[in-house]
PDB file of N, CA and C in Angstrom:
ATOM      1  N   MET A   1      94.407 -19.840 192.118  1.00  0.00           N
ATOM      2  CA  MET A   1      95.317 -20.190 191.058  1.00  0.00           C
ATOM      3  C   MET A   1      96.446 -19.170 191.038  1.00  0.00           C
ATOM      4  N   ASP A   2      97.626 -19.668 190.714  1.00  0.00           N
ATOM      5  CA  ASP A   2      98.802 -18.807 190.628  1.00  0.00           C
ATOM      6  C   ASP A   2      99.237 -18.750 189.173  1.00  0.00           C
ATOM      7  N   PHE A   3      98.826 -17.692 188.496  1.00  0.00           N
ATOM      8  CA  PHE A   3      99.110 -17.570 187.069  1.00  0.00           C
ATOM      9  C   PHE A   3     100.566 -17.219 186.789  1.00  0.00           C
ATOM     10  N   ALA A   4     101.347 -16.953 187.843  1.00  0.00           N
ATOM     11  CA  ALA A   4     102.772 -16.700 187.662  1.00  0.00           C
ATOM     12  C   ALA A   4     103.531 -17.997 187.409  1.00  0.00           C
ATOM     13  N   VAL A   5     102.895 -19.122 187.675  1.00  0.00           N
ATOM     14  CA  VAL A   5     103.513 -20.433 187.486  1.00  0.00           C
ATOM     15  C   VAL A   5     102.886 -21.098 186.275  1.00  0.00           C
ATOM     16  N   SER A   6     103.720 -21.699 185.468  1.00  0.00           N
ATOM     17  CA  SER A   6     103.211 -22.415 184.295  1.00  0.00           C
ATOM     18  C   SER A   6     102.614 -23.745 184.735  1.00  0.00           C
ATOM     19  N   PRO A   7     101.410 -24.074 184.282  1.00  0.00           N
ATOM     20  CA  PRO A   7     100.821 -25.362 184.657  1.00  0.00           C
ATOM     21  C   PRO A   7     101.645 -26.541 184.145  1.00  0.00           C
ATOM     22  N   CYS A   8     102.416 -26.321 183.106  1.00  0.00           N
ATOM     23  CA  CYS A   8     103.262 -27.396 182.573  1.00  0.00           C
ATOM     24  C   CYS A   8     104.482 -27.635 183.462  1.00  0.00           C
ATOM     25  N   ASP A   9     104.933 -26.602 184.182  1.00  0.00           N
ATOM     26  CA  ASP A   9     106.102 -26.742 185.052  1.00  0.00           C
ATOM     27  C   ASP A   9     105.729 -27.283 186.428  1.00  0.00           C
ATOM     28  N   ASP A  10     104.674 -26.757 187.016  1.00  0.00           N
ATOM     29  CA  ASP A  10     104.270 -27.168 188.362  1.00  0.00           C
ATOM     30  C   ASP A  10     102.754 -27.009 188.476  1.00  0.00           C
ATOM     31  N   PHE A  11     102.035 -28.041 188.094  1.00  0.00           N
ATOM     32  CA  PHE A  11     100.578 -27.956 188.047  1.00  0.00           C
ATOM     33  C   PHE A  11      99.980 -27.698 189.431  1.00  0.00           C
ATOM     34  N   TYR A  12     100.544 -28.340 190.458  1.00  0.00           N
ATOM     35  CA  TYR A  12     100.024 -28.155 191.813  1.00  0.00           C
ATOM     36  C   TYR A  12     100.145 -26.697 192.242  1.00  0.00           C
ATOM     37  N   ARG A  13     101.314 -26.092 192.059  1.00  0.00           N
ATOM     38  CA  ARG A  13     101.484 -24.681 192.425  1.00  0.00           C
ATOM     39  C   ARG A  13     100.611 -23.777 191.576  1.00  0.00           C
ATOM     40  N   PHE A  14     100.425 -24.125 190.305  1.00  0.00           N
ATOM     41  CA  PHE A  14      99.548 -23.345 189.435  1.00  0.00           C
ATOM     42  C   PHE A  14      98.121 -23.344 189.990  1.00  0.00           C
ATOM     43  N   VAL A  15      97.642 -24.507 190.391  1.00  0.00           N
ATOM     44  CA  VAL A  15      96.262 -24.644 190.873  1.00  0.00           C
ATOM     45  C   VAL A  15      96.101 -24.141 192.309  1.00  0.00           C
ATOM     46  N   CYS A  16      97.056 -24.428 193.183  1.00  0.00           N
ATOM     47  CA  CYS A  16      96.893 -24.145 194.616  1.00  0.00           C
ATOM     48  C   CYS A  16      97.786 -23.027 195.145  1.00  0.00           C
ATOM     49  N   GLY A  17      98.606 -22.444 194.311  1.00  0.00           N
ATOM     50  CA  GLY A  17      99.608 -21.482 194.765  1.00  0.00           C
ATOM     51  C   GLY A  17      99.060 -20.313 195.548  1.00  0.00           C
ATOM     52  N   ASN A  18      98.042 -19.643 195.059  1.00  0.00           N
ATOM     53  CA  ASN A  18      97.496 -18.490 195.780  1.00  0.00           C
ATOM     54  C   ASN A  18      96.796 -18.907 197.063  1.00  0.00           C
ATOM     55  N   TYR A  19      96.194 -20.074 197.076  1.00  0.00           N
ATOM     56  CA  TYR A  19      95.565 -20.558 198.308  1.00  0.00           C
ATOM     57  C   TYR A  19      96.634 -20.718 199.385  1.00  0.00           C
ATOM     58  N   MET A  20      97.761 -21.308 198.998  1.00  0.00           N
ATOM     59  CA  MET A  20      98.834 -21.512 199.970  1.00  0.00           C
ATOM     60  C   MET A  20      99.426 -20.182 200.427  1.00  0.00           C
ATOM     61  N   LYS A  21      99.472 -19.188 199.552  1.00  0.00           N
ATOM     62  CA  LYS A  21     100.029 -17.879 199.904  1.00  0.00           C
ATOM     63  C   LYS A  21      99.096 -17.081 200.810  1.00  0.00           C
ATOM     64  N   THR A  22      97.795 -17.218 200.626  1.00  0.00           N
ATOM     65  CA  THR A  22      96.835 -16.367 201.334  1.00  0.00           C
ATOM     66  C   THR A  22      96.173 -17.027 202.540  1.00  0.00           C
ATOM     67  N   THR A  23      96.413 -18.303 202.755  1.00  0.00           N
ATOM     68  CA  THR A  23      95.766 -19.017 203.850  1.00  0.00           C
ATOM     69  C   THR A  23      96.717 -19.150 205.028  1.00  0.00           C
ATOM     70  N   THR A  24      96.236 -18.784 206.204  1.00  0.00           N
ATOM     71  CA  THR A  24      97.021 -18.966 207.420  1.00  0.00           C
ATOM     72  C   THR A  24      96.357 -20.035 208.275  1.00  0.00           C
ATOM     73  N   ILE A  25      97.165 -20.749 209.016  1.00  0.00           N
ATOM     74  CA  ILE A  25      96.650 -21.793 209.898  1.00  0.00           C
ATOM     75  C   ILE A  25      96.410 -21.163 211.268  1.00  0.00           C
ATOM     76  N   PRO A  26      95.166 -21.189 211.748  1.00  0.00           N
ATOM     77  CA  PRO A  26      94.870 -20.619 213.070  1.00  0.00           C
ATOM     78  C   PRO A  26      95.628 -21.361 214.171  1.00  0.00           C
ATOM     79  N   ASP A  27      95.831 -20.693 215.292  1.00  0.00           N
ATOM     80  CA  ASP A  27      96.577 -21.284 216.403  1.00  0.00           C
ATOM     81  C   ASP A  27      95.934 -22.550 216.951  1.00  0.00           C
ATOM     82  N   ASP A  28      94.611 -22.653 216.838  1.00  0.00           N
ATOM     83  CA  ASP A  28      93.917 -23.811 217.404  1.00  0.00           C
ATOM     84  C   ASP A  28      93.821 -24.988 216.433  1.00  0.00           C
ATOM     85  N   LYS A  29      94.482 -24.899 215.280  1.00  0.00           N
ATOM     86  CA  LYS A  29      94.413 -25.971 214.283  1.00  0.00           C
ATOM     87  C   LYS A  29      95.817 -26.398 213.876  1.00  0.00           C
ATOM     88  N   THR A  30      95.945 -27.651 213.464  1.00  0.00           N
ATOM     89  CA  THR A  30      97.237 -28.143 212.988  1.00  0.00           C
ATOM     90  C   THR A  30      97.345 -28.079 211.480  1.00  0.00           C
ATOM     91  N   SER A  31      96.202 -27.986 210.814  1.00  0.00           N
ATOM     92  CA  SER A  31      96.193 -27.890 209.355  1.00  0.00           C
ATOM     93  C   SER A  31      94.895 -27.230 208.911  1.00  0.00           C
ATOM     94  N   VAL A  32      94.888 -26.789 207.659  1.00  0.00           N
ATOM     95  CA  VAL A  32      93.714 -26.147 207.082  1.00  0.00           C
ATOM     96  C   VAL A  32      93.614 -26.582 205.638  1.00  0.00           C
ATOM     97  N   ASN A  33      92.385 -26.816 205.200  1.00  0.00           N
ATOM     98  CA  ASN A  33      92.140 -27.064 203.781  1.00  0.00           C
ATOM     99  C   ASN A  33      90.785 -26.461 203.432  1.00  0.00           C
ATOM    100  N   THR A  34      90.414 -26.551 202.193  1.00  0.00           N
ATOM    101  CA  THR A  34      89.160 -25.913 201.779  1.00  0.00           C
ATOM    102  C   THR A  34      87.961 -26.475 202.537  1.00  0.00           C
ATOM    103  N   PHE A  35      88.007 -27.750 202.891  1.00  0.00           N
ATOM    104  CA  PHE A  35      86.879 -28.353 203.598  1.00  0.00           C
ATOM    105  C   PHE A  35      86.789 -27.843 205.035  1.00  0.00           C
ATOM    106  N   THR A  36      87.928 -27.710 205.727  1.00  0.00           N
ATOM    107  CA  THR A  36      87.876 -27.209 207.102  1.00  0.00           C
ATOM    108  C   THR A  36      87.423 -25.759 207.134  1.00  0.00           C
ATOM    109  N   VAL A  37      87.804 -24.983 206.133  1.00  0.00           N
ATOM    110  CA  VAL A  37      87.361 -23.589 206.049  1.00  0.00           C
ATOM    111  C   VAL A  37      85.846 -23.540 205.889  1.00  0.00           C
ATOM    112  N   ILE A  38      85.303 -24.385 205.022  1.00  0.00           N
ATOM    113  CA  ILE A  38      83.852 -24.428 204.797  1.00  0.00           C
ATOM    114  C   ILE A  38      83.125 -24.866 206.065  1.00  0.00           C
ATOM    115  N   VAL A  39      83.650 -25.883 206.743  1.00  0.00           N
ATOM    116  CA  VAL A  39      83.024 -26.368 207.978  1.00  0.00           C
ATOM    117  C   VAL A  39      83.022 -25.269 209.036  1.00  0.00           C
ATOM    118  N   ASP A  40      84.144 -24.568 209.188  1.00  0.00           N
ATOM    119  CA  ASP A  40      84.215 -23.480 210.169  1.00  0.00           C
ATOM    120  C   ASP A  40      83.209 -22.377 209.851  1.00  0.00           C
ATOM    121  N   GLU A  41      83.101 -22.012 208.581  1.00  0.00           N
ATOM    122  CA  GLU A  41      82.142 -20.976 208.182  1.00  0.00           C
ATOM    123  C   GLU A  41      80.702 -21.431 208.428  1.00  0.00           C
ATOM    124  N   LEU A  42      80.411 -22.695 208.130  1.00  0.00           N
ATOM    125  CA  LEU A  42      79.070 -23.229 208.358  1.00  0.00           C
ATOM    126  C   LEU A  42      78.727 -23.234 209.842  1.00  0.00           C
ATOM    127  N   GLU A  43      79.680 -23.654 210.679  1.00  0.00           N
ATOM    128  CA  GLU A  43      79.434 -23.658 212.120  1.00  0.00           C
ATOM    129  C   GLU A  43      79.144 -22.249 212.631  1.00  0.00           C
ATOM    130  N   GLU A  44      79.883 -21.270 212.136  1.00  0.00           N
ATOM    131  CA  GLU A  44      79.659 -19.883 212.554  1.00  0.00           C
ATOM    132  C   GLU A  44      78.275 -19.402 212.122  1.00  0.00           C
ATOM    133  N   GLN A  45      77.875 -19.737 210.907  1.00  0.00           N
ATOM    134  CA  GLN A  45      76.548 -19.347 210.419  1.00  0.00           C
ATOM    135  C   GLN A  45      75.444 -19.999 211.243  1.00  0.00           C
ATOM    136  N   LEU A  46      75.635 -21.277 211.610  1.00  0.00           N
ATOM    137  CA  LEU A  46      74.638 -21.960 212.438  1.00  0.00           C
ATOM    138  C   LEU A  46      74.544 -21.328 213.820  1.00  0.00           C
ATOM    139  N   LYS A  47      75.691 -20.985 214.406  1.00  0.00           N
ATOM    140  CA  LYS A  47      75.674 -20.329 215.719  1.00  0.00           C
ATOM    141  C   LYS A  47      74.900 -19.018 215.657  1.00  0.00           C
ATOM    142  N   LEU A  48      75.146 -18.248 214.611  1.00  0.00           N
ATOM    143  CA  LEU A  48      74.430 -16.981 214.468  1.00  0.00           C
ATOM    144  C   LEU A  48      72.936 -17.209 214.254  1.00  0.00           C
ATOM    145  N   ALA A  49      72.595 -18.189 213.431  1.00  0.00           N
ATOM    146  CA  ALA A  49      71.187 -18.449 213.118  1.00  0.00           C
ATOM    147  C   ALA A  49      70.431 -18.996 214.322  1.00  0.00           C
ATOM    148  N   LEU A  50      71.107 -19.792 215.151  1.00  0.00           N
ATOM    149  CA  LEU A  50      70.434 -20.416 216.288  1.00  0.00           C
ATOM    150  C   LEU A  50      70.556 -19.608 217.570  1.00  0.00           C
ATOM    151  N   GLY A  51      71.347 -18.572 217.546  1.00  0.00           N
ATOM    152  CA  GLY A  51      71.628 -17.819 218.762  1.00  0.00           C
ATOM    153  C   GLY A  51      70.484 -16.975 219.273  1.00  0.00           C
ATOM    154  N   ASP A  52      69.747 -16.338 218.418  1.00  0.00           N
ATOM    155  CA  ASP A  52      68.679 -15.428 218.838  1.00  0.00           C
ATOM    156  C   ASP A  52      67.314 -16.030 218.544  1.00  0.00           C
ATOM    157  N   THR A  53      66.410 -15.866 219.502  1.00  0.00           N
ATOM    158  CA  THR A  53      65.040 -16.318 219.261  1.00  0.00           C
ATOM    159  C   THR A  53      64.189 -15.130 218.843  1.00  0.00           C
ATOM    160  N   ASP A  54      63.248 -15.408 217.988  1.00  0.00           N
ATOM    161  CA  ASP A  54      62.338 -14.380 217.478  1.00  0.00           C
ATOM    162  C   ASP A  54      60.922 -14.880 217.725  1.00  0.00           C
ATOM    163  N   ASN A  55      60.134 -14.115 218.438  1.00  0.00           N
ATOM    164  CA  ASN A  55      58.778 -14.541 218.786  1.00  0.00           C
ATOM    165  C   ASN A  55      57.879 -14.729 217.578  1.00  0.00           C
ATOM    166  N   GLU A  56      58.246 -14.163 216.448  1.00  0.00           N
ATOM    167  CA  GLU A  56      57.411 -14.289 215.257  1.00  0.00           C
ATOM    168  C   GLU A  56      57.753 -15.527 214.424  1.00  0.00           C
ATOM    169  N   GLU A  57      58.792 -16.263 214.819  1.00  0.00           N
ATOM    170  CA  GLU A  57      59.153 -17.476 214.084  1.00  0.00           C
ATOM    171  C   GLU A  57      58.163 -18.591 214.408  1.00  0.00           C
ATOM    172  N   ILE A  58      58.065 -19.551 213.515  1.00  0.00           N
ATOM    173  CA  ILE A  58      57.180 -20.686 213.768  1.00  0.00           C
ATOM    174  C   ILE A  58      57.709 -21.484 214.961  1.00  0.00           C
ATOM    175  N   SER A  59      56.824 -22.173 215.636  1.00  0.00           N
ATOM    176  CA  SER A  59      57.171 -22.804 216.912  1.00  0.00           C
ATOM    177  C   SER A  59      58.265 -23.860 216.778  1.00  0.00           C
ATOM    178  N   SER A  60      58.299 -24.594 215.682  1.00  0.00           N
ATOM    179  CA  SER A  60      59.334 -25.621 215.536  1.00  0.00           C
ATOM    180  C   SER A  60      60.725 -24.993 215.481  1.00  0.00           C
ATOM    181  N   ILE A  61      60.856 -23.842 214.826  1.00  0.00           N
ATOM    182  CA  ILE A  61      62.139 -23.138 214.773  1.00  0.00           C
ATOM    183  C   ILE A  61      62.504 -22.622 216.162  1.00  0.00           C
ATOM    184  N   GLN A  62      61.522 -22.096 216.890  1.00  0.00           N
ATOM    185  CA  GLN A  62      61.776 -21.624 218.254  1.00  0.00           C
ATOM    186  C   GLN A  62      62.260 -22.772 219.138  1.00  0.00           C
ATOM    187  N   LYS A  63      61.655 -23.948 218.992  1.00  0.00           N
ATOM    188  CA  LYS A  63      62.046 -25.107 219.798  1.00  0.00           C
ATOM    189  C   LYS A  63      63.479 -25.525 219.503  1.00  0.00           C
ATOM    190  N   VAL A  64      63.848 -25.550 218.240  1.00  0.00           N
ATOM    191  CA  VAL A  64      65.218 -25.918 217.864  1.00  0.00           C
ATOM    192  C   VAL A  64      66.208 -24.929 218.474  1.00  0.00           C
ATOM    193  N   LYS A  65      65.895 -23.653 218.386  1.00  0.00           N
ATOM    194  CA  LYS A  65      66.784 -22.632 218.931  1.00  0.00           C
ATOM    195  C   LYS A  65      66.900 -22.750 220.448  1.00  0.00           C
ATOM    196  N   ARG A  66      65.788 -22.993 221.141  1.00  0.00           N
ATOM    197  CA  ARG A  66      65.833 -23.158 222.597  1.00  0.00           C
ATOM    198  C   ARG A  66      66.649 -24.388 222.984  1.00  0.00           C
ATOM    199  N   TYR A  67      66.473 -25.471 222.234  1.00  0.00           N
ATOM    200  CA  TYR A  67      67.232 -26.691 222.509  1.00  0.00           C
ATOM    201  C   TYR A  67      68.722 -26.430 222.335  1.00  0.00           C
ATOM    202  N   TYR A  68      69.098 -25.783 221.242  1.00  0.00           N
ATOM    203  CA  TYR A  68      70.500 -25.450 220.991  1.00  0.00           C
ATOM    204  C   TYR A  68      71.051 -24.586 222.126  1.00  0.00           C
ATOM    205  N   GLN A  69      70.302 -23.565 222.510  1.00  0.00           N
ATOM    206  CA  GLN A  69      70.766 -22.667 223.566  1.00  0.00           C
ATOM    207  C   GLN A  69      70.904 -23.394 224.901  1.00  0.00           C
ATOM    208  N   SER A  70      70.020 -24.351 225.177  1.00  0.00           N
ATOM    209  CA  SER A  70      70.139 -25.105 226.427  1.00  0.00           C
ATOM    210  C   SER A  70      71.392 -25.974 226.415  1.00  0.00           C
ATOM    211  N   CYS A  71      71.738 -26.523 225.262  1.00  0.00           N
ATOM    212  CA  CYS A  71      72.971 -27.315 225.150  1.00  0.00           C
ATOM    213  C   CYS A  71      74.192 -26.430 225.366  1.00  0.00           C
ATOM    214  N   ILE A  72      74.184 -25.243 224.774  1.00  0.00           N
ATOM    215  CA  ILE A  72      75.296 -24.312 224.948  1.00  0.00           C
ATOM    216  C   ILE A  72      75.409 -23.903 226.412  1.00  0.00           C
ATOM    217  N   ASN A  73      74.288 -23.639 227.063  1.00  0.00           N
ATOM    218  CA  ASN A  73      74.306 -23.266 228.481  1.00  0.00           C
ATOM    219  C   ASN A  73      74.874 -24.390 229.337  1.00  0.00           C
ATOM    220  N   LYS A  74      74.505 -25.640 229.040  1.00  0.00           N
ATOM    221  CA  LYS A  74      75.045 -26.778 229.787  1.00  0.00           C
ATOM    222  C   LYS A  74      76.552 -26.870 229.593  1.00  0.00           C
ATOM    223  N   LEU A  75      77.004 -26.645 228.374  1.00  0.00           N
ATOM    224  CA  LEU A  75      78.438 -26.692 228.092  1.00  0.00           C
ATOM    225  C   LEU A  75      79.168 -25.605 228.875  1.00  0.00           C
ATOM    226  N   TRP A  76      78.614 -24.389 228.894  1.00  0.00           N
ATOM    227  CA  TRP A  76      79.240 -23.293 229.642  1.00  0.00           C
ATOM    228  C   TRP A  76      79.283 -23.613 231.135  1.00  0.00           C
ATOM    229  N   ASN A  77      78.196 -24.160 231.655  1.00  0.00           N
ATOM    230  CA  ASN A  77      78.165 -24.515 233.075  1.00  0.00           C
ATOM    231  C   ASN A  77      79.175 -25.610 233.384  1.00  0.00           C
ATOM    232  N   PHE A  78      79.298 -26.586 232.498  1.00  0.00           N
ATOM    233  CA  PHE A  78      80.234 -27.685 232.692  1.00  0.00           C
ATOM    234  C   PHE A  78      81.673 -27.175 232.687  1.00  0.00           C
ATOM    235  N   ARG A  79      81.972 -26.265 231.751  1.00  0.00           N
ATOM    236  CA  ARG A  79      83.330 -25.729 231.622  1.00  0.00           C
ATOM    237  C   ARG A  79      83.608 -24.618 232.627  1.00  0.00           C
ATOM    238  N   GLY A  80      82.575 -24.062 233.208  1.00  0.00           N
ATOM    239  CA  GLY A  80      82.746 -22.982 234.169  1.00  0.00           C
ATOM    240  C   GLY A  80      82.936 -21.621 233.540  1.00  0.00           C
ATOM    241  N   ASP A  81      82.470 -21.444 232.299  1.00  0.00           N
ATOM    242  CA  ASP A  81      82.602 -20.148 231.605  1.00  0.00           C
ATOM    243  C   ASP A  81      81.614 -19.142 232.145  1.00  0.00           C
TER     244      ASP A  81
END
């Protein structure tokens, strides 16, 4: 919220003004909104959570992590990374 703007004069700037001032659009994107920011953060959290295997985790969690890692490995091999 941008409290420097009166909501009666420009409600949109009052509500979204600071978001527009503090948000930058990454080079790999054409636009950004609160939903894309949340999706990007969720994807990063999932990558971190699925990236490492722990022998003390229950087997179903280990299987999910191995499956995810095998998909990532296939993608890297396909792209030549």
